[in-house]
Amino acid sequence: METKFYLTREGLKKIKAEYEKLRDFKHQKTAGETPSLLHSEEPNPEYLAFQEDMSLLDAKIADYESILNNVELIGRPKQEDRIIVHVGAIVTLEIDGVIDQFTIVGTIEADPAQKKISHECPLGKALLGAKVGSTVKLDTAVVNHMCKVLKIQYE
């Protein structure tokens, strides 16, 4: 079973652009003259480097194709479901007396410095399904906090 990749519309646009850029780059690299396999009786180092580059490029393109084939756009849930934290929610929390706000996103778009956390990280997992007023426990090897959900909103 393929993994679902949760992306915002902006994230999907970036992935598509990067995918197209890589495909164009591969086309440019292979359209010209490629190094020959043999250089005298020894394998040509330029050819070996070219093949390694192509393998890495093909692997990256395959990764993007997997994402694009298994993407699920993050959208606003139905009005009645907006009282629960889903992927895409902007959640205001009180953590040990400090109020903070996080957006729950897919792993590809996660950026803790921008307060975008993955639905698969410990805090993201703990928040999924929570309601306003709920207290969730963030318990990892490093931290142990109780977090109170103050507000849930969707853009």
N, C-alpha and C. Protein backbone atom coordinates (compact mmCIF):
# COMPACT_ATOMS: atom_id res chain seq x y z
N MET A 1 0.84 -1.18 0.00
CA MET A 1 0.00 0.00 0.00
C MET A 1 0.88 1.24 0.00
N GLU A 2 0.62 2.16 -0.89
CA GLU A 2 1.40 3.38 -1.02
C GLU A 2 1.08 4.35 0.12
N THR A 3 2.07 5.11 0.51
CA THR A 3 1.91 6.14 1.52
C THR A 3 1.22 7.34 0.91
N LYS A 4 0.30 7.94 1.64
CA LYS A 4 -0.34 9.18 1.21
C LYS A 4 0.58 10.33 1.58
N PHE A 5 0.70 11.29 0.68
CA PHE A 5 1.49 12.49 0.93
C PHE A 5 0.53 13.67 1.00
N TYR A 6 0.39 14.25 2.19
CA TYR A 6 -0.51 15.38 2.39
C TYR A 6 0.22 16.66 2.00
N LEU A 7 -0.37 17.42 1.09
CA LEU A 7 0.22 18.67 0.63
C LEU A 7 -0.84 19.76 0.54
N THR A 8 -0.41 20.98 0.79
CA THR A 8 -1.27 22.13 0.50
C THR A 8 -1.19 22.39 -1.00
N ARG A 9 -2.06 23.25 -1.50
CA ARG A 9 -2.00 23.59 -2.93
C ARG A 9 -0.65 24.21 -3.28
N GLU A 10 -0.12 25.05 -2.39
CA GLU A 10 1.18 25.68 -2.63
C GLU A 10 2.28 24.62 -2.65
N GLY A 11 2.21 23.67 -1.73
CA GLY A 11 3.20 22.60 -1.68
C GLY A 11 3.16 21.74 -2.93
N LEU A 12 1.96 21.44 -3.41
CA LEU A 12 1.81 20.64 -4.63
C LEU A 12 2.39 21.39 -5.82
N LYS A 13 2.15 22.69 -5.87
CA LYS A 13 2.67 23.51 -6.96
C LYS A 13 4.21 23.46 -6.96
N LYS A 14 4.82 23.55 -5.79
CA LYS A 14 6.29 23.49 -5.69
C LYS A 14 6.82 22.13 -6.13
N ILE A 15 6.15 21.07 -5.70
CA ILE A 15 6.58 19.71 -6.07
C ILE A 15 6.49 19.53 -7.58
N LYS A 16 5.39 19.96 -8.18
CA LYS A 16 5.23 19.84 -9.63
C LYS A 16 6.31 20.62 -10.37
N ALA A 17 6.61 21.83 -9.90
CA ALA A 17 7.63 22.65 -10.55
C ALA A 17 9.01 21.99 -10.44
N GLU A 18 9.34 21.47 -9.30
CA GLU A 18 10.63 20.80 -9.11
C GLU A 18 10.72 19.54 -9.97
N TYR A 19 9.62 18.80 -10.05
CA TYR A 19 9.57 17.59 -10.88
C TYR A 19 9.82 17.94 -12.35
N GLU A 20 9.15 18.97 -12.84
CA GLU A 20 9.32 19.39 -14.23
C GLU A 20 10.75 19.88 -14.48
N LYS A 21 11.30 20.59 -13.51
CA LYS A 21 12.67 21.07 -13.63
C LYS A 21 13.66 19.90 -13.74
N LEU A 22 13.47 18.88 -12.92
CA LEU A 22 14.34 17.70 -12.98
C LEU A 22 14.19 16.95 -14.30
N ARG A 23 12.95 16.81 -14.77
CA ARG A 23 12.74 16.13 -16.05
C ARG A 23 13.39 16.90 -17.20
N ASP A 24 13.26 18.22 -17.19
CA ASP A 24 13.90 19.04 -18.22
C ASP A 24 15.42 18.91 -18.15
N PHE A 25 15.95 18.92 -16.94
CA PHE A 25 17.39 18.79 -16.76
C PHE A 25 17.88 17.44 -17.29
N LYS A 26 17.15 16.38 -17.00
CA LYS A 26 17.52 15.05 -17.50
C LYS A 26 17.50 15.04 -19.03
N HIS A 27 16.48 15.63 -19.60
CA HIS A 27 16.37 15.69 -21.06
C HIS A 27 17.58 16.43 -21.65
N GLN A 28 17.96 17.54 -21.04
CA GLN A 28 19.11 18.29 -21.52
C GLN A 28 20.40 17.48 -21.42
N LYS A 29 20.55 16.75 -20.31
CA LYS A 29 21.77 15.94 -20.11
C LYS A 29 21.86 14.79 -21.10
N THR A 30 20.72 14.21 -21.46
CA THR A 30 20.74 13.04 -22.34
C THR A 30 20.58 13.40 -23.81
N ALA A 31 20.20 14.62 -24.11
CA ALA A 31 20.00 15.03 -25.50
C ALA A 31 21.33 15.25 -26.21
N GLY A 32 22.33 15.67 -25.47
CA GLY A 32 23.64 15.93 -26.06
C GLY A 32 24.44 14.65 -26.21
N GLU A 33 25.69 14.83 -26.48
CA GLU A 33 26.58 13.68 -26.64
C GLU A 33 26.92 13.13 -25.26
N THR A 34 26.78 11.83 -25.10
CA THR A 34 27.10 11.19 -23.83
C THR A 34 28.48 10.55 -23.94
N PRO A 35 29.19 10.46 -22.82
CA PRO A 35 30.52 9.85 -22.85
C PRO A 35 30.44 8.38 -23.27
N SER A 36 31.47 7.90 -23.92
CA SER A 36 31.49 6.49 -24.35
C SER A 36 31.89 5.62 -23.16
N LEU A 37 31.51 4.36 -23.24
CA LEU A 37 31.76 3.41 -22.15
C LEU A 37 33.24 3.15 -21.97
N LEU A 38 33.95 2.96 -23.05
CA LEU A 38 35.35 2.60 -22.93
C LEU A 38 36.26 3.75 -23.32
N HIS A 39 37.33 3.86 -22.59
CA HIS A 39 38.40 4.81 -22.89
C HIS A 39 39.65 3.94 -22.97
N SER A 40 40.11 3.69 -24.17
CA SER A 40 41.12 2.66 -24.46
C SER A 40 40.55 1.34 -23.99
N GLU A 41 41.23 0.61 -23.15
CA GLU A 41 40.69 -0.69 -22.70
C GLU A 41 40.06 -0.61 -21.31
N GLU A 42 40.12 0.54 -20.67
CA GLU A 42 39.57 0.75 -19.33
C GLU A 42 38.21 1.43 -19.43
N PRO A 43 37.35 1.19 -18.44
CA PRO A 43 36.08 1.93 -18.43
C PRO A 43 36.36 3.44 -18.32
N ASN A 44 35.61 4.20 -19.06
CA ASN A 44 35.77 5.65 -19.09
C ASN A 44 35.22 6.25 -17.79
N PRO A 45 36.06 6.96 -17.01
CA PRO A 45 35.56 7.55 -15.75
C PRO A 45 34.45 8.57 -15.99
N GLU A 46 34.49 9.29 -17.12
CA GLU A 46 33.43 10.24 -17.43
C GLU A 46 32.10 9.52 -17.63
N TYR A 47 32.15 8.37 -18.28
CA TYR A 47 30.94 7.58 -18.50
C TYR A 47 30.39 7.09 -17.16
N LEU A 48 31.28 6.57 -16.31
CA LEU A 48 30.84 6.07 -15.00
C LEU A 48 30.21 7.18 -14.17
N ALA A 49 30.81 8.37 -14.18
CA ALA A 49 30.25 9.51 -13.45
C ALA A 49 28.90 9.91 -14.04
N PHE A 50 28.79 9.90 -15.37
CA PHE A 50 27.54 10.22 -16.04
C PHE A 50 26.44 9.24 -15.63
N GLN A 51 26.77 7.95 -15.63
CA GLN A 51 25.79 6.92 -15.24
C GLN A 51 25.35 7.08 -13.79
N GLU A 52 26.30 7.42 -12.92
CA GLU A 52 25.95 7.63 -11.51
C GLU A 52 25.03 8.83 -11.36
N ASP A 53 25.35 9.91 -12.08
CA ASP A 53 24.50 11.10 -12.06
C ASP A 53 23.09 10.78 -12.55
N MET A 54 22.99 10.01 -13.63
CA MET A 54 21.68 9.65 -14.19
C MET A 54 20.89 8.77 -13.22
N SER A 55 21.59 7.87 -12.53
CA SER A 55 20.91 7.02 -11.55
C SER A 55 20.32 7.85 -10.41
N LEU A 56 21.11 8.80 -9.91
CA LEU A 56 20.62 9.67 -8.83
C LEU A 56 19.45 10.52 -9.32
N LEU A 57 19.56 11.04 -10.52
CA LEU A 57 18.50 11.86 -11.09
C LEU A 57 17.22 11.04 -11.29
N ASP A 58 17.37 9.82 -11.80
CA ASP A 58 16.21 8.93 -11.99
C ASP A 58 15.54 8.61 -10.65
N ALA A 59 16.35 8.39 -9.62
CA ALA A 59 15.80 8.09 -8.29
C ALA A 59 15.01 9.28 -7.75
N LYS A 60 15.55 10.48 -7.94
CA LYS A 60 14.85 11.69 -7.46
C LYS A 60 13.55 11.90 -8.24
N ILE A 61 13.60 11.69 -9.54
CA ILE A 61 12.39 11.82 -10.36
C ILE A 61 11.35 10.78 -9.92
N ALA A 62 11.79 9.56 -9.64
CA ALA A 62 10.87 8.52 -9.18
C ALA A 62 10.23 8.90 -7.84
N ASP A 63 11.02 9.54 -6.95
CA ASP A 63 10.47 10.01 -5.66
C ASP A 63 9.35 11.02 -5.90
N TYR A 64 9.60 11.98 -6.80
CA TYR A 64 8.58 12.99 -7.10
C TYR A 64 7.34 12.35 -7.75
N GLU A 65 7.55 11.38 -8.62
CA GLU A 65 6.41 10.70 -9.25
C GLU A 65 5.58 9.97 -8.20
N SER A 66 6.25 9.35 -7.24
CA SER A 66 5.53 8.66 -6.16
C SER A 66 4.69 9.66 -5.36
N ILE A 67 5.27 10.81 -5.07
CA ILE A 67 4.53 11.84 -4.34
C ILE A 67 3.32 12.30 -5.15
N LEU A 68 3.55 12.61 -6.43
CA LEU A 68 2.46 13.12 -7.28
C LEU A 68 1.37 12.09 -7.50
N ASN A 69 1.73 10.81 -7.52
CA ASN A 69 0.74 9.75 -7.72
C ASN A 69 -0.03 9.42 -6.44
N ASN A 70 0.47 9.86 -5.30
CA ASN A 70 -0.16 9.51 -4.03
C ASN A 70 -0.45 10.73 -3.17
N VAL A 71 -0.65 11.87 -3.82
CA VAL A 71 -0.88 13.11 -3.09
C VAL A 71 -2.34 13.20 -2.64
N GLU A 72 -2.52 13.75 -1.48
CA GLU A 72 -3.86 14.10 -0.99
C GLU A 72 -3.79 15.55 -0.57
N LEU A 73 -4.57 16.37 -1.27
CA LEU A 73 -4.57 17.80 -0.96
C LEU A 73 -5.17 18.07 0.41
N ILE A 74 -4.52 18.94 1.15
CA ILE A 74 -5.04 19.36 2.44
C ILE A 74 -6.09 20.42 2.18
N GLY A 75 -7.27 20.18 2.64
CA GLY A 75 -8.36 21.13 2.46
C GLY A 75 -9.08 21.37 3.76
N ARG A 76 -10.03 22.25 3.70
CA ARG A 76 -10.85 22.51 4.88
C ARG A 76 -11.86 21.38 5.05
N PRO A 77 -11.96 20.86 6.25
CA PRO A 77 -12.99 19.84 6.46
C PRO A 77 -14.38 20.47 6.45
N LYS A 78 -15.38 19.63 6.43
CA LYS A 78 -16.76 20.12 6.49
C LYS A 78 -16.94 20.94 7.77
N GLN A 79 -17.90 21.85 7.72
CA GLN A 79 -18.13 22.75 8.85
C GLN A 79 -18.26 21.99 10.18
N GLU A 80 -19.01 20.90 10.18
CA GLU A 80 -19.23 20.16 11.43
C GLU A 80 -17.97 19.44 11.92
N ASP A 81 -16.98 19.24 11.03
CA ASP A 81 -15.74 18.56 11.41
C ASP A 81 -14.64 19.52 11.84
N ARG A 82 -14.89 20.82 11.76
CA ARG A 82 -13.86 21.81 12.07
C ARG A 82 -13.64 22.00 13.57
N ILE A 83 -14.39 21.26 14.38
CA ILE A 83 -14.19 21.34 15.82
C ILE A 83 -13.12 20.36 16.28
N ILE A 84 -12.60 19.58 15.34
CA ILE A 84 -11.59 18.56 15.62
C ILE A 84 -10.33 18.90 14.84
N VAL A 85 -9.17 18.60 15.42
CA VAL A 85 -7.90 18.83 14.74
C VAL A 85 -7.70 17.76 13.66
N HIS A 86 -7.54 18.24 12.41
CA HIS A 86 -7.20 17.42 11.26
C HIS A 86 -5.94 17.98 10.63
N VAL A 87 -5.36 17.27 9.68
CA VAL A 87 -4.25 17.83 8.92
C VAL A 87 -4.76 19.09 8.24
N GLY A 88 -4.01 20.16 8.36
CA GLY A 88 -4.42 21.45 7.81
C GLY A 88 -4.89 22.43 8.87
N ALA A 89 -5.09 21.96 10.09
CA ALA A 89 -5.57 22.83 11.17
C ALA A 89 -4.47 23.75 11.67
N ILE A 90 -4.90 24.94 12.06
CA ILE A 90 -4.02 25.87 12.77
C ILE A 90 -4.49 25.79 14.22
N VAL A 91 -3.62 25.30 15.08
CA VAL A 91 -4.00 25.01 16.46
C VAL A 91 -3.25 25.93 17.42
N THR A 92 -4.01 26.60 18.28
CA THR A 92 -3.43 27.42 19.33
C THR A 92 -3.42 26.59 20.60
N LEU A 93 -2.25 26.50 21.21
CA LEU A 93 -2.06 25.65 22.39
C LEU A 93 -1.50 26.45 23.56
N GLU A 94 -1.77 25.93 24.74
CA GLU A 94 -1.08 26.40 25.93
C GLU A 94 -0.20 25.25 26.39
N ILE A 95 1.10 25.49 26.36
CA ILE A 95 2.07 24.47 26.76
C ILE A 95 2.85 25.01 27.95
N ASP A 96 2.64 24.42 29.10
CA ASP A 96 3.31 24.86 30.33
C ASP A 96 3.19 26.37 30.55
N GLY A 97 2.00 26.91 30.34
CA GLY A 97 1.75 28.32 30.58
C GLY A 97 2.10 29.23 29.42
N VAL A 98 2.69 28.70 28.38
CA VAL A 98 3.07 29.50 27.21
C VAL A 98 2.10 29.19 26.07
N ILE A 99 1.59 30.26 25.44
CA ILE A 99 0.66 30.07 24.33
C ILE A 99 1.45 30.08 23.03
N ASP A 100 1.18 29.09 22.19
CA ASP A 100 1.87 28.95 20.92
C ASP A 100 0.89 28.46 19.87
N GLN A 101 1.23 28.65 18.61
CA GLN A 101 0.34 28.26 17.52
C GLN A 101 1.12 27.43 16.50
N PHE A 102 0.51 26.33 16.03
CA PHE A 102 1.13 25.45 15.06
C PHE A 102 0.13 25.12 13.96
N THR A 103 0.67 24.89 12.76
CA THR A 103 -0.14 24.41 11.66
C THR A 103 0.25 22.95 11.43
N ILE A 104 -0.76 22.09 11.34
CA ILE A 104 -0.51 20.67 11.12
C ILE A 104 -0.46 20.44 9.61
N VAL A 105 0.67 19.96 9.12
CA VAL A 105 0.87 19.73 7.69
C VAL A 105 1.40 18.32 7.47
N GLY A 106 1.55 17.94 6.20
CA GLY A 106 2.17 16.66 5.86
C GLY A 106 3.67 16.73 6.08
N THR A 107 4.33 15.59 6.07
CA THR A 107 5.76 15.53 6.37
C THR A 107 6.61 16.31 5.38
N ILE A 108 6.20 16.38 4.14
CA ILE A 108 7.00 17.07 3.12
C ILE A 108 7.08 18.56 3.39
N GLU A 109 6.02 19.15 3.89
CA GLU A 109 5.97 20.59 4.11
C GLU A 109 6.31 21.00 5.55
N ALA A 110 6.61 20.03 6.39
CA ALA A 110 6.91 20.35 7.79
C ALA A 110 8.13 21.26 7.88
N ASP A 111 8.02 22.27 8.71
CA ASP A 111 9.10 23.23 8.94
C ASP A 111 8.91 23.80 10.35
N PRO A 112 9.49 23.15 11.35
CA PRO A 112 9.29 23.59 12.73
C PRO A 112 9.66 25.05 12.97
N ALA A 113 10.63 25.58 12.24
CA ALA A 113 11.01 26.98 12.40
C ALA A 113 9.87 27.91 12.00
N GLN A 114 9.00 27.45 11.10
CA GLN A 114 7.84 28.23 10.65
C GLN A 114 6.57 27.82 11.39
N LYS A 115 6.73 26.99 12.43
CA LYS A 115 5.60 26.49 13.23
C LYS A 115 4.67 25.60 12.40
N LYS A 116 5.24 24.91 11.39
CA LYS A 116 4.49 23.94 10.60
C LYS A 116 5.01 22.57 11.01
N ILE A 117 4.15 21.81 11.69
CA ILE A 117 4.59 20.51 12.20
C ILE A 117 3.87 19.39 11.46
N SER A 118 4.58 18.29 11.32
CA SER A 118 4.05 17.13 10.63
C SER A 118 2.97 16.44 11.44
N HIS A 119 2.01 15.87 10.74
CA HIS A 119 0.99 15.07 11.41
C HIS A 119 1.58 13.78 11.97
N GLU A 120 2.84 13.49 11.61
CA GLU A 120 3.49 12.27 12.09
C GLU A 120 4.46 12.52 13.24
N CYS A 121 4.75 13.78 13.55
CA CYS A 121 5.65 14.06 14.68
C CYS A 121 4.88 13.84 15.98
N PRO A 122 5.58 13.70 17.11
CA PRO A 122 4.87 13.41 18.36
C PRO A 122 3.75 14.41 18.70
N LEU A 123 4.01 15.70 18.56
CA LEU A 123 2.97 16.69 18.88
C LEU A 123 1.83 16.62 17.86
N GLY A 124 2.17 16.49 16.58
CA GLY A 124 1.14 16.38 15.54
C GLY A 124 0.24 15.18 15.77
N LYS A 125 0.84 14.03 16.08
CA LYS A 125 0.05 12.82 16.36
C LYS A 125 -0.85 13.02 17.57
N ALA A 126 -0.31 13.65 18.62
CA ALA A 126 -1.09 13.85 19.84
C ALA A 126 -2.27 14.78 19.59
N LEU A 127 -2.11 15.76 18.68
CA LEU A 127 -3.17 16.74 18.44
C LEU A 127 -4.28 16.22 17.52
N LEU A 128 -3.98 15.32 16.61
CA LEU A 128 -5.00 14.84 15.69
C LEU A 128 -6.19 14.27 16.44
N GLY A 129 -7.36 14.77 16.13
CA GLY A 129 -8.59 14.31 16.77
C GLY A 129 -8.97 15.07 18.03
N ALA A 130 -8.10 15.97 18.49
CA ALA A 130 -8.38 16.75 19.71
C ALA A 130 -9.40 17.85 19.41
N LYS A 131 -10.08 18.30 20.45
CA LYS A 131 -11.06 19.38 20.36
C LYS A 131 -10.61 20.54 21.25
N VAL A 132 -11.23 21.70 21.05
CA VAL A 132 -10.95 22.85 21.91
C VAL A 132 -11.27 22.46 23.35
N GLY A 133 -10.37 22.78 24.26
CA GLY A 133 -10.54 22.45 25.67
C GLY A 133 -9.87 21.14 26.05
N SER A 134 -9.52 20.32 25.04
CA SER A 134 -8.85 19.05 25.31
C SER A 134 -7.44 19.30 25.82
N THR A 135 -6.98 18.38 26.63
CA THR A 135 -5.59 18.38 27.06
C THR A 135 -4.95 17.14 26.47
N VAL A 136 -3.85 17.36 25.76
CA VAL A 136 -3.14 16.23 25.16
C VAL A 136 -1.78 16.12 25.81
N LYS A 137 -1.28 14.92 25.87
CA LYS A 137 0.01 14.67 26.52
C LYS A 137 1.07 14.50 25.44
N LEU A 138 2.11 15.30 25.54
CA LEU A 138 3.26 15.16 24.65
C LEU A 138 4.34 14.49 25.48
N ASP A 139 4.56 13.22 25.20
CA ASP A 139 5.47 12.42 26.01
C ASP A 139 6.48 11.75 25.09
N THR A 140 7.70 12.26 25.10
CA THR A 140 8.77 11.66 24.32
C THR A 140 9.95 11.39 25.25
N ALA A 141 11.01 10.86 24.71
CA ALA A 141 12.21 10.60 25.51
C ALA A 141 12.83 11.90 26.02
N VAL A 142 12.57 13.00 25.31
CA VAL A 142 13.19 14.28 25.66
C VAL A 142 12.27 15.19 26.46
N VAL A 143 10.98 15.21 26.11
CA VAL A 143 10.05 16.13 26.78
C VAL A 143 8.81 15.40 27.29
N ASN A 144 8.18 16.02 28.28
CA ASN A 144 6.93 15.51 28.82
C ASN A 144 6.10 16.73 29.20
N HIS A 145 5.13 17.06 28.34
CA HIS A 145 4.30 18.25 28.55
C HIS A 145 2.83 17.90 28.42
N MET A 146 2.02 18.70 29.09
CA MET A 146 0.58 18.66 28.90
C MET A 146 0.24 19.90 28.08
N CYS A 147 -0.50 19.71 27.01
CA CYS A 147 -0.85 20.80 26.11
C CYS A 147 -2.36 20.95 26.06
N LYS A 148 -2.84 22.16 26.30
CA LYS A 148 -4.27 22.41 26.24
C LYS A 148 -4.60 23.09 24.92
N VAL A 149 -5.58 22.54 24.21
CA VAL A 149 -6.01 23.10 22.94
C VAL A 149 -6.94 24.28 23.21
N LEU A 150 -6.50 25.48 22.79
CA LEU A 150 -7.28 26.70 23.03
C LEU A 150 -8.15 27.08 21.82
N LYS A 151 -7.66 26.81 20.61
CA LYS A 151 -8.37 27.24 19.42
C LYS A 151 -7.97 26.35 18.24
N ILE A 152 -8.95 26.07 17.39
CA ILE A 152 -8.72 25.32 16.15
C ILE A 152 -9.32 26.14 15.02
N GLN A 153 -8.53 26.38 13.99
CA GLN A 153 -9.06 27.10 12.84
C GLN A 153 -8.49 26.52 11.56
N TYR A 154 -9.17 26.79 10.48
CA TYR A 154 -8.77 26.32 9.16
C TYR A 154 -8.81 27.49 8.19
N GLU A 155 -7.87 27.55 7.28
CA GLU A 155 -7.86 28.62 6.27
C GLU A 155 -8.61 28.17 5.05
